[in-house]
């Protein structure tokens, strides 16, 4: 049943359409960097201001 395939079904469609996806591992990398930047600013974390900013950060890691 296609409805039960979840990620396995949707990822190929998204990639075919040129949509960039972020894995859990990628998300954790972004989170770690936000926490690192936040500590430098004496804050728990410094959230990315946009999806584009988060993806750019990920590309630089």
Protein backbone atom coordinates (compact mmCIF):
# COMPACT_ATOMS: atom_id res chain seq x y z
CA UNK A 1 0.00 0.00 0.00
CA UNK A 2 1.56 3.28 -1.18
CA UNK A 3 0.12 5.27 1.74
CA UNK A 4 2.18 3.28 4.24
CA UNK A 5 5.54 3.77 2.53
CA UNK A 6 6.10 7.22 4.01
CA UNK A 7 9.59 8.58 3.43
CA UNK A 8 10.50 5.76 1.07
CA UNK A 9 7.68 6.85 -1.22
CA UNK A 10 8.06 10.62 -1.02
CA UNK A 11 11.84 11.09 -1.23
CA UNK A 12 12.17 9.95 -4.85
CA UNK A 13 9.31 12.26 -5.85
CA UNK A 14 10.87 15.23 -4.07
CA UNK A 15 14.30 14.56 -5.56
CA UNK A 16 12.76 14.19 -9.03
CA UNK A 17 11.19 17.63 -8.57
CA UNK A 18 14.48 19.14 -7.44
CA UNK A 19 13.40 19.65 -3.84
CA UNK A 20 16.26 19.63 -1.38
CA UNK A 21 15.58 17.47 1.63
CA UNK A 22 17.25 17.54 5.03
CA UNK A 23 17.85 14.30 6.87
CA UNK A 24 17.65 13.90 10.62
CA UNK A 25 21.46 13.81 10.70
CA UNK A 26 21.56 17.08 8.73
CA UNK A 27 19.02 18.64 11.08
CA UNK A 28 21.14 17.63 14.09
CA UNK A 29 24.19 19.28 12.49
CA UNK A 30 22.23 22.51 12.05
CA UNK A 31 21.00 22.28 15.64
CA UNK A 32 24.53 21.75 16.96
CA UNK A 33 25.78 24.79 15.05
CA UNK A 34 22.89 26.92 16.35
CA UNK A 35 23.80 25.90 19.90
CA UNK A 36 27.48 26.64 19.27
CA UNK A 37 26.70 30.12 17.94
CA UNK A 38 24.29 30.73 20.81
CA UNK A 39 26.95 29.90 23.39
CA UNK A 40 29.24 32.50 21.83
CA UNK A 41 26.44 35.02 22.35
CA UNK A 42 25.57 33.82 25.88
CA UNK A 43 22.28 32.34 24.69
CA UNK A 44 20.98 28.76 24.63
CA UNK A 45 21.03 28.86 20.82
CA UNK A 46 20.89 31.22 17.87
CA UNK A 47 18.19 30.00 15.51
CA UNK A 48 18.63 30.42 11.79
CA UNK A 49 16.48 33.22 10.46
CA UNK A 50 15.28 31.30 7.42
CA UNK A 51 15.37 27.95 5.70
CA UNK A 52 17.85 29.37 3.23
CA UNK A 53 20.14 30.41 6.08
CA UNK A 54 19.92 26.94 7.63
CA UNK A 55 20.75 25.27 4.32
CA UNK A 56 23.67 27.62 3.75
CA UNK A 57 24.94 26.79 7.24
CA UNK A 58 24.60 23.09 6.49
CA UNK A 59 26.55 23.48 3.25
CA UNK A 60 29.41 25.07 5.18
CA UNK A 61 29.65 22.26 7.73
